[in-house]
Amino acid sequence: MANTNELTDAQVALLETLKQSFNTAKYTDLTIKCYGTVWRVHKVIVCPQSSYLATLCDGVASQVCPLRLQHVDIADSIAGRHHHARRESKSYRGDARYLYSFDYSDALFGVNDNPVMLNLLIHELAVKFAIPKLANLAAKKFRSRAKVWWKTAAFAEAALRIFSADPDKSNATLRVTVVEVATSHGEVLLIDKEKGGRFYEVVHSTHPGVE
């Protein structure tokens, strides 16, 4: 009996078609812009997965002929929460790619040259654009990378960014990961100033009483 977790040939073919569709502008009917970065996508694929984009498209559709290519600019909507949004905008490609392949590579360096920060940024955008499955995937990838890259400055900056944000359900899993990783390497990150590096600085500057 076939494993129910295995994809059928038809499902594999469909998934491959979706992946290929991401790399072509053919048949696209929506353009998403962010600080000079442009994605031409298909509303029938992206909107059902993101209620945020669906709302934007519905708003535009009431003003623009539905036969014309529609445009949305997400720069203003992310600028308030992401103060480095212009510099980081290229990392958002991971969000768009996920909508076509249901996965993304966190080996796309360029965001502090560290996959820990890349996964954090993708998680933040997934929450912003209401893509819960992508947010869960990014949280899992963040946890996996944090266990390996825990001694890097990027992990420290990610921890600072996570705990500087208002605590809510969206970042609860990330906070747990940071605490668990930091605790498991506490003798280095929390106690040894020289070896702890940036993480030690972050913890002791924000929580002076920590020992």
N, C-alpha and C. Protein backbone atom coordinates (compact mmCIF):
# COMPACT_ATOMS: atom_id res chain seq x y z
N MET A 1 0.85 -1.20 0.00
CA MET A 1 0.00 0.00 0.00
C MET A 1 0.88 1.23 0.00
N ALA A 2 0.56 2.21 -0.83
CA ALA A 2 1.39 3.39 -0.95
C ALA A 2 1.32 4.25 0.31
N ASN A 3 2.44 4.87 0.65
CA ASN A 3 2.49 5.77 1.79
C ASN A 3 1.66 7.01 1.49
N THR A 4 0.73 7.37 2.40
CA THR A 4 -0.14 8.52 2.16
C THR A 4 0.63 9.83 2.16
N ASN A 5 1.87 9.81 2.69
CA ASN A 5 2.68 11.02 2.71
C ASN A 5 3.43 11.23 1.40
N GLU A 6 3.43 10.21 0.55
CA GLU A 6 4.12 10.32 -0.73
C GLU A 6 3.23 11.02 -1.74
N LEU A 7 3.85 11.85 -2.58
CA LEU A 7 3.10 12.55 -3.60
C LEU A 7 2.86 11.65 -4.81
N THR A 8 1.70 11.79 -5.41
CA THR A 8 1.43 11.05 -6.63
C THR A 8 2.16 11.72 -7.79
N ASP A 9 2.26 11.04 -8.90
CA ASP A 9 2.93 11.61 -10.07
C ASP A 9 2.25 12.91 -10.49
N ALA A 10 0.93 12.94 -10.41
CA ALA A 10 0.18 14.14 -10.80
C ALA A 10 0.49 15.31 -9.87
N GLN A 11 0.61 15.02 -8.57
CA GLN A 11 0.92 16.06 -7.60
C GLN A 11 2.34 16.59 -7.81
N VAL A 12 3.27 15.68 -8.10
CA VAL A 12 4.64 16.09 -8.36
C VAL A 12 4.71 16.99 -9.59
N ALA A 13 3.97 16.60 -10.62
CA ALA A 13 3.95 17.39 -11.87
C ALA A 13 3.36 18.77 -11.62
N LEU A 14 2.31 18.82 -10.81
CA LEU A 14 1.68 20.10 -10.51
C LEU A 14 2.63 21.00 -9.72
N LEU A 15 3.31 20.41 -8.73
CA LEU A 15 4.25 21.18 -7.92
C LEU A 15 5.39 21.72 -8.78
N GLU A 16 5.87 20.91 -9.70
CA GLU A 16 6.94 21.35 -10.58
C GLU A 16 6.48 22.49 -11.49
N THR A 17 5.24 22.42 -11.93
CA THR A 17 4.68 23.49 -12.76
C THR A 17 4.61 24.80 -11.97
N LEU A 18 4.20 24.70 -10.70
CA LEU A 18 4.13 25.88 -9.85
C LEU A 18 5.51 26.49 -9.66
N LYS A 19 6.51 25.66 -9.39
CA LYS A 19 7.87 26.14 -9.20
C LYS A 19 8.37 26.88 -10.43
N GLN A 20 8.12 26.31 -11.59
CA GLN A 20 8.57 26.93 -12.83
C GLN A 20 7.84 28.24 -13.10
N SER A 21 6.60 28.32 -12.65
CA SER A 21 5.81 29.53 -12.87
C SER A 21 6.38 30.73 -12.13
N PHE A 22 7.09 30.47 -11.04
CA PHE A 22 7.68 31.56 -10.26
C PHE A 22 8.78 32.26 -11.05
N ASN A 23 9.42 31.56 -11.94
CA ASN A 23 10.57 32.10 -12.67
C ASN A 23 10.21 32.71 -14.01
N THR A 24 8.93 32.89 -14.28
CA THR A 24 8.52 33.49 -15.53
C THR A 24 7.41 34.49 -15.29
N ALA A 25 7.37 35.51 -16.11
CA ALA A 25 6.31 36.53 -15.99
C ALA A 25 5.10 36.17 -16.83
N LYS A 26 5.15 35.04 -17.50
CA LYS A 26 4.06 34.65 -18.39
C LYS A 26 2.79 34.36 -17.59
N TYR A 27 1.70 34.93 -18.04
CA TYR A 27 0.36 34.74 -17.45
C TYR A 27 0.21 35.39 -16.08
N THR A 28 1.18 36.15 -15.63
CA THR A 28 1.04 36.81 -14.33
C THR A 28 0.00 37.93 -14.41
N ASP A 29 -0.65 38.20 -13.28
CA ASP A 29 -1.66 39.26 -13.26
C ASP A 29 -1.53 40.16 -12.04
N LEU A 30 -0.39 40.07 -11.36
CA LEU A 30 -0.15 40.92 -10.20
C LEU A 30 1.34 41.22 -10.09
N THR A 31 1.68 42.47 -9.87
CA THR A 31 3.07 42.87 -9.66
C THR A 31 3.21 43.40 -8.23
N ILE A 32 4.13 42.82 -7.49
CA ILE A 32 4.42 43.25 -6.12
C ILE A 32 5.77 43.96 -6.13
N LYS A 33 5.80 45.17 -5.59
CA LYS A 33 7.04 45.94 -5.57
C LYS A 33 7.44 46.24 -4.13
N CYS A 34 8.75 46.27 -3.91
CA CYS A 34 9.28 46.65 -2.60
C CYS A 34 10.67 47.22 -2.77
N TYR A 35 10.80 48.54 -2.67
CA TYR A 35 12.08 49.22 -2.76
C TYR A 35 12.90 48.78 -3.98
N GLY A 36 12.31 48.76 -5.12
CA GLY A 36 13.05 48.42 -6.34
C GLY A 36 13.05 46.95 -6.69
N THR A 37 12.72 46.09 -5.73
CA THR A 37 12.61 44.66 -6.01
C THR A 37 11.19 44.39 -6.51
N VAL A 38 11.07 43.63 -7.60
CA VAL A 38 9.77 43.40 -8.22
C VAL A 38 9.52 41.91 -8.40
N TRP A 39 8.31 41.48 -8.05
CA TRP A 39 7.89 40.11 -8.31
C TRP A 39 6.61 40.16 -9.14
N ARG A 40 6.58 39.44 -10.24
CA ARG A 40 5.37 39.32 -11.02
C ARG A 40 4.78 37.94 -10.73
N VAL A 41 3.61 37.93 -10.13
CA VAL A 41 3.04 36.69 -9.61
C VAL A 41 1.60 36.50 -10.12
N HIS A 42 1.01 35.41 -9.67
CA HIS A 42 -0.35 35.04 -10.09
C HIS A 42 -1.26 35.12 -8.87
N LYS A 43 -2.30 35.93 -8.98
CA LYS A 43 -3.21 36.12 -7.84
C LYS A 43 -3.86 34.81 -7.41
N VAL A 44 -4.16 33.95 -8.35
CA VAL A 44 -4.83 32.70 -8.02
C VAL A 44 -3.95 31.82 -7.16
N ILE A 45 -2.64 32.06 -7.18
CA ILE A 45 -1.70 31.27 -6.37
C ILE A 45 -1.39 31.95 -5.05
N VAL A 46 -1.11 33.26 -5.08
CA VAL A 46 -0.64 33.93 -3.87
C VAL A 46 -1.76 34.39 -2.94
N CYS A 47 -2.87 34.85 -3.49
CA CYS A 47 -3.93 35.39 -2.64
C CYS A 47 -4.59 34.36 -1.72
N PRO A 48 -4.87 33.13 -2.18
CA PRO A 48 -5.47 32.16 -1.28
C PRO A 48 -4.56 31.80 -0.09
N GLN A 49 -3.26 32.04 -0.24
CA GLN A 49 -2.32 31.71 0.83
C GLN A 49 -2.03 32.89 1.74
N SER A 50 -2.38 34.10 1.31
CA SER A 50 -2.11 35.30 2.10
C SER A 50 -3.34 36.19 2.12
N SER A 51 -4.00 36.23 3.26
CA SER A 51 -5.19 37.08 3.37
C SER A 51 -4.82 38.55 3.25
N TYR A 52 -3.58 38.89 3.61
CA TYR A 52 -3.10 40.27 3.50
C TYR A 52 -3.07 40.70 2.04
N LEU A 53 -2.45 39.88 1.18
CA LEU A 53 -2.38 40.20 -0.24
C LEU A 53 -3.77 40.15 -0.87
N ALA A 54 -4.59 39.23 -0.42
CA ALA A 54 -5.94 39.11 -0.95
C ALA A 54 -6.71 40.40 -0.69
N THR A 55 -6.56 40.96 0.51
CA THR A 55 -7.25 42.20 0.85
C THR A 55 -6.75 43.35 -0.02
N LEU A 56 -5.43 43.41 -0.23
CA LEU A 56 -4.87 44.45 -1.08
C LEU A 56 -5.41 44.33 -2.50
N CYS A 57 -5.43 43.12 -3.01
CA CYS A 57 -5.91 42.91 -4.39
C CYS A 57 -7.39 43.23 -4.52
N ASP A 58 -8.17 42.87 -3.52
CA ASP A 58 -9.60 43.17 -3.56
C ASP A 58 -9.82 44.67 -3.58
N GLY A 59 -8.98 45.40 -2.85
CA GLY A 59 -9.09 46.85 -2.81
C GLY A 59 -8.74 47.46 -4.16
N VAL A 60 -7.68 46.95 -4.78
CA VAL A 60 -7.26 47.45 -6.09
C VAL A 60 -8.28 47.09 -7.14
N ALA A 61 -8.86 45.91 -7.03
CA ALA A 61 -9.80 45.43 -8.05
C ALA A 61 -11.03 46.32 -8.14
N SER A 62 -11.37 46.98 -7.04
CA SER A 62 -12.55 47.83 -7.07
C SER A 62 -12.29 49.13 -7.82
N GLN A 63 -11.02 49.43 -8.07
CA GLN A 63 -10.66 50.68 -8.73
C GLN A 63 -10.08 50.48 -10.12
N VAL A 64 -9.60 49.28 -10.40
CA VAL A 64 -8.91 49.02 -11.65
C VAL A 64 -9.65 47.95 -12.44
N CYS A 65 -9.68 48.10 -13.73
CA CYS A 65 -10.32 47.08 -14.57
C CYS A 65 -9.67 45.73 -14.30
N PRO A 66 -10.42 44.70 -13.99
CA PRO A 66 -9.85 43.39 -13.63
C PRO A 66 -9.04 42.74 -14.75
N LEU A 67 -9.19 43.23 -15.98
CA LEU A 67 -8.43 42.66 -17.09
C LEU A 67 -7.02 43.24 -17.17
N ARG A 68 -6.78 44.31 -16.45
CA ARG A 68 -5.47 44.95 -16.48
C ARG A 68 -4.57 44.36 -15.40
N LEU A 69 -3.26 44.44 -15.63
CA LEU A 69 -2.29 43.98 -14.63
C LEU A 69 -2.39 44.87 -13.41
N GLN A 70 -2.51 44.30 -12.24
CA GLN A 70 -2.63 45.07 -11.01
C GLN A 70 -1.28 45.19 -10.31
N HIS A 71 -1.10 46.26 -9.56
CA HIS A 71 0.16 46.53 -8.89
C HIS A 71 -0.09 46.85 -7.42
N VAL A 72 0.73 46.31 -6.55
CA VAL A 72 0.71 46.69 -5.15
C VAL A 72 2.15 46.95 -4.72
N ASP A 73 2.32 47.98 -3.89
CA ASP A 73 3.64 48.33 -3.37
C ASP A 73 3.62 48.08 -1.88
N ILE A 74 4.42 47.14 -1.41
CA ILE A 74 4.37 46.75 0.01
C ILE A 74 5.39 47.51 0.85
N ALA A 75 6.15 48.42 0.23
CA ALA A 75 7.20 49.13 0.96
C ALA A 75 6.66 49.88 2.16
N ASP A 76 5.59 50.66 1.96
CA ASP A 76 5.03 51.45 3.05
C ASP A 76 4.47 50.57 4.16
N SER A 77 3.93 49.43 3.80
CA SER A 77 3.29 48.57 4.79
C SER A 77 4.28 47.86 5.69
N ILE A 78 5.55 47.76 5.26
CA ILE A 78 6.54 47.08 6.11
C ILE A 78 7.53 48.04 6.73
N ALA A 79 7.57 49.28 6.26
CA ALA A 79 8.59 50.22 6.71
C ALA A 79 8.52 50.49 8.21
N GLY A 80 7.28 50.57 8.76
CA GLY A 80 7.15 50.88 10.16
C GLY A 80 7.75 49.83 11.07
N ARG A 81 7.59 48.57 10.71
CA ARG A 81 8.07 47.50 11.57
C ARG A 81 9.49 47.09 11.25
N HIS A 82 9.90 47.31 10.02
CA HIS A 82 11.23 46.87 9.59
C HIS A 82 12.06 48.09 9.20
N HIS A 83 12.79 48.65 10.16
CA HIS A 83 13.51 49.90 9.91
C HIS A 83 14.68 49.73 8.95
N HIS A 84 15.06 48.49 8.66
CA HIS A 84 16.10 48.25 7.65
C HIS A 84 15.47 47.64 6.40
N ALA A 85 14.20 47.93 6.19
CA ALA A 85 13.46 47.27 5.12
C ALA A 85 14.09 47.45 3.75
N ARG A 86 14.57 48.65 3.44
CA ARG A 86 15.15 48.87 2.12
C ARG A 86 16.36 47.97 1.90
N ARG A 87 17.22 47.87 2.91
CA ARG A 87 18.43 47.05 2.79
C ARG A 87 18.10 45.57 2.75
N GLU A 88 17.02 45.17 3.42
CA GLU A 88 16.69 43.75 3.54
C GLU A 88 15.70 43.26 2.50
N SER A 89 15.23 44.13 1.64
CA SER A 89 14.11 43.77 0.76
C SER A 89 14.40 42.57 -0.12
N LYS A 90 15.66 42.34 -0.49
CA LYS A 90 15.97 41.21 -1.35
C LYS A 90 15.70 39.88 -0.65
N SER A 91 15.73 39.88 0.68
CA SER A 91 15.49 38.63 1.40
C SER A 91 14.02 38.21 1.31
N TYR A 92 13.14 39.11 0.93
CA TYR A 92 11.72 38.79 0.86
C TYR A 92 11.40 37.85 -0.29
N ARG A 93 12.39 37.63 -1.15
CA ARG A 93 12.19 36.68 -2.25
C ARG A 93 11.84 35.30 -1.68
N GLY A 94 12.36 34.99 -0.49
CA GLY A 94 12.04 33.71 0.13
C GLY A 94 10.55 33.57 0.39
N ASP A 95 9.89 34.68 0.77
CA ASP A 95 8.45 34.65 1.00
C ASP A 95 7.70 34.33 -0.30
N ALA A 96 8.07 35.06 -1.36
CA ALA A 96 7.39 34.88 -2.64
C ALA A 96 7.63 33.49 -3.20
N ARG A 97 8.86 33.00 -3.08
CA ARG A 97 9.18 31.68 -3.62
C ARG A 97 8.39 30.59 -2.89
N TYR A 98 8.21 30.75 -1.58
CA TYR A 98 7.46 29.75 -0.82
C TYR A 98 6.06 29.55 -1.37
N LEU A 99 5.42 30.62 -1.82
CA LEU A 99 4.05 30.55 -2.32
C LEU A 99 3.93 29.69 -3.56
N TYR A 100 5.07 29.40 -4.19
CA TYR A 100 5.06 28.57 -5.39
C TYR A 100 5.67 27.18 -5.16
N SER A 101 6.47 27.03 -4.15
CA SER A 101 7.14 25.74 -3.93
C SER A 101 6.89 25.17 -2.54
N PHE A 102 6.28 25.97 -1.65
CA PHE A 102 5.98 25.54 -0.28
C PHE A 102 7.24 25.22 0.51
N ASP A 103 8.34 25.85 0.10
CA ASP A 103 9.62 25.73 0.80
C ASP A 103 10.49 26.89 0.34
N TYR A 104 11.60 27.12 1.01
CA TYR A 104 12.56 28.12 0.57
C TYR A 104 13.94 27.72 1.09
N SER A 105 14.96 28.23 0.45
CA SER A 105 16.33 27.93 0.87
C SER A 105 16.81 29.01 1.82
N ASP A 106 17.33 28.60 2.98
CA ASP A 106 17.89 29.59 3.90
C ASP A 106 19.40 29.69 3.74
N ALA A 107 19.88 29.23 2.60
CA ALA A 107 21.30 29.38 2.27
C ALA A 107 21.52 30.61 1.40
N LEU A 108 20.47 31.45 1.29
CA LEU A 108 20.56 32.67 0.50
C LEU A 108 21.20 33.76 1.35
N PHE A 109 22.51 33.81 1.36
CA PHE A 109 23.20 34.78 2.18
C PHE A 109 23.02 36.19 1.63
N GLY A 110 23.41 37.17 2.40
CA GLY A 110 23.26 38.56 2.00
C GLY A 110 22.61 39.37 3.11
N VAL A 111 21.95 38.68 4.06
CA VAL A 111 21.37 39.34 5.21
C VAL A 111 22.27 39.05 6.40
N ASN A 112 23.24 39.95 6.58
CA ASN A 112 24.26 39.75 7.61
C ASN A 112 25.03 38.44 7.40
N ASP A 113 24.97 37.90 6.16
CA ASP A 113 25.67 36.67 5.82
C ASP A 113 25.39 35.55 6.81
N ASN A 114 24.18 35.44 7.24
CA ASN A 114 23.85 34.43 8.23
C ASN A 114 22.41 33.95 8.06
N PRO A 115 22.20 32.64 7.93
CA PRO A 115 20.85 32.10 7.74
C PRO A 115 19.93 32.29 8.93
N VAL A 116 20.49 32.52 10.12
CA VAL A 116 19.66 32.76 11.30
C VAL A 116 18.82 34.02 11.08
N MET A 117 19.47 35.09 10.66
CA MET A 117 18.76 36.35 10.44
C MET A 117 17.81 36.24 9.25
N LEU A 118 18.21 35.53 8.22
CA LEU A 118 17.35 35.36 7.06
C LEU A 118 16.03 34.70 7.46
N ASN A 119 16.11 33.64 8.26
CA ASN A 119 14.90 32.95 8.70
C ASN A 119 14.03 33.84 9.58
N LEU A 120 14.67 34.67 10.39
CA LEU A 120 13.92 35.59 11.24
C LEU A 120 13.15 36.60 10.38
N LEU A 121 13.82 37.15 9.37
CA LEU A 121 13.16 38.12 8.50
C LEU A 121 11.99 37.51 7.74
N ILE A 122 12.20 36.29 7.26
CA ILE A 122 11.12 35.62 6.54
C ILE A 122 9.95 35.33 7.48
N HIS A 123 10.24 34.97 8.71
CA HIS A 123 9.18 34.74 9.69
C HIS A 123 8.39 36.03 9.92
N GLU A 124 9.09 37.14 10.07
CA GLU A 124 8.42 38.41 10.32
C GLU A 124 7.50 38.79 9.15
N LEU A 125 8.00 38.60 7.95
CA LEU A 125 7.19 38.95 6.78
C LEU A 125 6.01 37.98 6.62
N ALA A 126 6.23 36.71 6.96
CA ALA A 126 5.14 35.73 6.87
C ALA A 126 4.01 36.11 7.83
N VAL A 127 4.38 36.59 9.00
CA VAL A 127 3.37 37.04 9.97
C VAL A 127 2.67 38.28 9.43
N LYS A 128 3.46 39.22 8.90
CA LYS A 128 2.89 40.46 8.38
C LYS A 128 1.91 40.20 7.25
N PHE A 129 2.26 39.28 6.35
CA PHE A 129 1.42 39.01 5.20
C PHE A 129 0.44 37.86 5.42
N ALA A 130 0.32 37.44 6.68
CA ALA A 130 -0.67 36.42 7.05
C ALA A 130 -0.51 35.14 6.24
N ILE A 131 0.71 34.57 6.31
CA ILE A 131 0.99 33.28 5.67
C ILE A 131 1.45 32.33 6.78
N PRO A 132 0.52 31.78 7.56
CA PRO A 132 0.87 31.01 8.75
C PRO A 132 1.77 29.80 8.51
N LYS A 133 1.57 29.08 7.42
CA LYS A 133 2.40 27.90 7.17
C LYS A 133 3.85 28.30 6.92
N LEU A 134 4.05 29.42 6.25
CA LEU A 134 5.41 29.90 6.02
C LEU A 134 6.03 30.36 7.34
N ALA A 135 5.24 31.00 8.19
CA ALA A 135 5.74 31.43 9.50
C ALA A 135 6.20 30.23 10.32
N ASN A 136 5.44 29.16 10.29
CA ASN A 136 5.81 27.94 11.03
C ASN A 136 7.09 27.34 10.47
N LEU A 137 7.21 27.32 9.14
CA LEU A 137 8.41 26.76 8.50
C LEU A 137 9.63 27.60 8.84
N ALA A 138 9.48 28.92 8.79
CA ALA A 138 10.60 29.81 9.10
C ALA A 138 11.04 29.65 10.55
N ALA A 139 10.08 29.45 11.45
CA ALA A 139 10.41 29.25 12.87
C ALA A 139 11.21 27.96 13.06
N LYS A 140 10.84 26.91 12.32
CA LYS A 140 11.56 25.64 12.41
C LYS A 140 12.98 25.79 11.86
N LYS A 141 13.11 26.49 10.74
CA LYS A 141 14.43 26.70 10.14
C LYS A 141 15.29 27.59 11.04
N PHE A 142 14.66 28.58 11.68
CA PHE A 142 15.38 29.45 12.61
C PHE A 142 15.94 28.62 13.76
N ARG A 143 15.13 27.74 14.30
CA ARG A 143 15.56 26.90 15.42
C ARG A 143 16.72 26.00 15.02
N SER A 144 16.61 25.39 13.84
CA SER A 144 17.65 24.49 13.36
C SER A 144 18.98 25.23 13.17
N ARG A 145 18.91 26.40 12.58
CA ARG A 145 20.13 27.19 12.33
C ARG A 145 20.70 27.77 13.62
N ALA A 146 19.83 28.19 14.53
CA ALA A 146 20.30 28.79 15.78
C ALA A 146 21.12 27.80 16.60
N LYS A 147 20.76 26.53 16.53
CA LYS A 147 21.49 25.51 17.28
C LYS A 147 22.93 25.36 16.77
N VAL A 148 23.16 25.76 15.52
CA VAL A 148 24.50 25.65 14.93
C VAL A 148 25.23 26.98 14.97
N TRP A 149 24.49 28.08 14.72
CA TRP A 149 25.11 29.40 14.59
C TRP A 149 24.98 30.22 15.87
N TRP A 150 24.81 29.57 17.02
CA TRP A 150 24.55 30.25 18.27
C TRP A 150 25.65 31.21 18.72
N LYS A 151 26.87 31.00 18.27
CA LYS A 151 27.98 31.83 18.73
C LYS A 151 28.23 33.03 17.82
N THR A 152 27.41 33.22 16.81
CA THR A 152 27.63 34.31 15.86
C THR A 152 26.96 35.60 16.33
N ALA A 153 27.47 36.71 15.79
CA ALA A 153 26.88 38.01 16.10
C ALA A 153 25.45 38.10 15.56
N ALA A 154 25.20 37.42 14.45
CA ALA A 154 23.87 37.45 13.85
C ALA A 154 22.83 36.83 14.78
N PHE A 155 23.19 35.76 15.50
CA PHE A 155 22.26 35.16 16.45
C PHE A 155 21.95 36.15 17.56
N ALA A 156 22.97 36.87 18.00
CA ALA A 156 22.78 37.88 19.05
C ALA A 156 21.86 38.99 18.56
N GLU A 157 22.07 39.45 17.34
CA GLU A 157 21.23 40.52 16.79
C GLU A 157 19.80 40.02 16.59
N ALA A 158 19.66 38.75 16.19
CA ALA A 158 18.33 38.18 16.02
C ALA A 158 17.61 38.12 17.36
N ALA A 159 18.34 37.71 18.40
CA ALA A 159 17.75 37.63 19.74
C ALA A 159 17.31 39.02 20.21
N LEU A 160 18.14 40.02 19.95
CA LEU A 160 17.80 41.39 20.34
C LEU A 160 16.55 41.86 19.60
N ARG A 161 16.49 41.55 18.33
CA ARG A 161 15.34 41.95 17.51
C ARG A 161 14.06 41.27 17.98
N ILE A 162 14.17 40.00 18.32
CA ILE A 162 13.00 39.23 18.77
C ILE A 162 12.47 39.75 20.10
N PHE A 163 13.38 40.01 21.04
CA PHE A 163 12.94 40.44 22.37
C PHE A 163 12.68 41.93 22.46
N SER A 164 13.03 42.67 21.41
CA SER A 164 12.71 44.10 21.37
C SER A 164 11.29 44.31 20.87
N ALA A 165 10.78 43.31 20.15
CA ALA A 165 9.41 43.39 19.64
C ALA A 165 8.42 43.06 20.75
N ASP A 166 7.21 43.54 20.61
CA ASP A 166 6.18 43.24 21.60
C ASP A 166 5.91 41.74 21.60
N PRO A 167 5.87 41.13 22.79
CA PRO A 167 5.62 39.68 22.85
C PRO A 167 4.18 39.35 22.47
N ASP A 168 4.02 38.41 21.59
CA ASP A 168 2.69 37.94 21.21
C ASP A 168 2.82 36.52 20.67
N LYS A 169 1.72 35.95 20.24
CA LYS A 169 1.71 34.58 19.77
C LYS A 169 2.62 34.38 18.56
N SER A 170 2.77 35.43 17.75
CA SER A 170 3.54 35.29 16.52
C SER A 170 5.02 35.05 16.76
N ASN A 171 5.57 35.59 17.85
CA ASN A 171 7.01 35.40 18.09
C ASN A 171 7.31 34.55 19.32
N ALA A 172 6.29 33.94 19.89
CA ALA A 172 6.48 33.13 21.09
C ALA A 172 7.44 31.97 20.84
N THR A 173 7.29 31.29 19.71
CA THR A 173 8.16 30.16 19.39
C THR A 173 9.61 30.60 19.23
N LEU A 174 9.82 31.76 18.61
CA LEU A 174 11.18 32.27 18.43
C LEU A 174 11.81 32.61 19.77
N ARG A 175 11.05 33.19 20.65
CA ARG A 175 11.55 33.53 21.98
C ARG A 175 11.98 32.27 22.74
N VAL A 176 11.16 31.24 22.64
CA VAL A 176 11.50 29.97 23.30
C VAL A 176 12.79 29.42 22.74
N THR A 177 12.97 29.50 21.44
CA THR A 177 14.19 29.00 20.81
C THR A 177 15.41 29.74 21.32
N VAL A 178 15.33 31.06 21.36
CA VAL A 178 16.47 31.87 21.82
C VAL A 178 16.83 31.51 23.26
N VAL A 179 15.83 31.40 24.11
CA VAL A 179 16.07 31.07 25.52
C VAL A 179 16.70 29.70 25.66
N GLU A 180 16.17 28.72 24.93
CA GLU A 180 16.70 27.35 25.02
C GLU A 180 18.14 27.27 24.53
N VAL A 181 18.42 27.92 23.39
CA VAL A 181 19.78 27.88 22.84
C VAL A 181 20.75 28.62 23.76
N ALA A 182 20.34 29.79 24.23
CA ALA A 182 21.21 30.58 25.11
C ALA A 182 21.48 29.84 26.42
N THR A 183 20.46 29.19 26.95
CA THR A 183 20.61 28.45 28.20
C THR A 183 21.54 27.25 28.03
N SER A 184 21.40 26.56 26.91
CA SER A 184 22.24 25.38 26.68
C SER A 184 23.71 25.75 26.48
N HIS A 185 23.98 26.99 26.16
CA HIS A 185 25.36 27.46 25.99
C HIS A 185 25.63 28.64 26.93
N GLY A 186 24.94 28.60 28.07
CA GLY A 186 25.02 29.70 29.02
C GLY A 186 26.41 30.00 29.54
N GLU A 187 27.24 28.95 29.71
CA GLU A 187 28.58 29.17 30.25
C GLU A 187 29.44 30.01 29.32
N VAL A 188 29.05 30.08 28.06
CA VAL A 188 29.77 30.90 27.08
C VAL A 188 29.03 32.21 26.82
N LEU A 189 27.78 32.12 26.47
CA LEU A 189 27.02 33.30 26.05
C LEU A 189 26.65 34.24 27.18
N LEU A 190 26.40 33.71 28.35
CA LEU A 190 25.90 34.54 29.44
C LEU A 190 26.94 34.89 30.50
N ILE A 191 28.00 34.11 30.61
CA ILE A 191 28.95 34.29 31.70
C ILE A 191 30.30 34.79 31.24
N ASP A 192 30.80 34.26 30.13
CA ASP A 192 32.14 34.59 29.65
C ASP A 192 32.08 35.80 28.70
N LYS A 193 32.53 36.95 29.16
CA LYS A 193 32.45 38.18 28.35
C LYS A 193 33.25 38.08 27.07
N GLU A 194 34.42 37.47 27.15
CA GLU A 194 35.29 37.37 25.97
C GLU A 194 34.71 36.39 24.94
N LYS A 195 34.32 35.22 25.40
CA LYS A 195 33.82 34.20 24.49
C LYS A 195 32.37 34.47 24.08
N GLY A 196 31.62 35.08 24.97
CA GLY A 196 30.21 35.35 24.67
C GLY A 196 30.01 36.37 23.58
N GLY A 197 31.00 37.25 23.40
CA GLY A 197 30.95 38.22 22.32
C GLY A 197 29.70 39.08 22.30
N ARG A 198 29.11 39.22 21.13
CA ARG A 198 27.98 40.12 20.95
C ARG A 198 26.77 39.70 21.78
N PHE A 199 26.54 38.41 21.94
CA PHE A 199 25.38 37.96 22.71
C PHE A 199 25.53 38.40 24.17
N TYR A 200 26.73 38.26 24.71
CA TYR A 200 26.99 38.69 26.10
C TYR A 200 26.70 40.18 26.23
N GLU A 201 27.15 40.97 25.25
CA GLU A 201 26.94 42.42 25.27
C GLU A 201 25.45 42.74 25.25
N VAL A 202 24.72 42.06 24.39
CA VAL A 202 23.28 42.31 24.26
C VAL A 202 22.56 42.00 25.56
N VAL A 203 22.83 40.84 26.12
CA VAL A 203 22.15 40.43 27.36
C VAL A 203 22.46 41.37 28.51
N HIS A 204 23.73 41.71 28.68
CA HIS A 204 24.12 42.50 29.82
C HIS A 204 23.83 43.99 29.66
N SER A 205 23.61 44.43 28.44
CA SER A 205 23.22 45.83 28.23
C SER A 205 21.72 46.02 28.43
N THR A 206 20.95 44.98 28.12
CA THR A 206 19.50 45.07 28.28
C THR A 206 19.03 44.53 29.62
N HIS A 207 19.82 43.64 30.23
CA HIS A 207 19.51 43.07 31.54
C HIS A 207 20.77 43.08 32.40
N PRO A 208 21.15 44.26 32.94
CA PRO A 208 22.40 44.41 33.69
C PRO A 208 22.57 43.45 34.87
N GLY A 209 21.48 42.97 35.43
CA GLY A 209 21.56 42.12 36.61
C GLY A 209 21.81 40.66 36.33
N VAL A 210 21.86 40.28 35.05
CA VAL A 210 22.04 38.86 34.70
C VAL A 210 23.43 38.40 35.10
N GLU A 211 23.50 37.22 35.70
CA GLU A 211 24.78 36.63 36.11
C GLU A 211 24.98 35.31 35.40
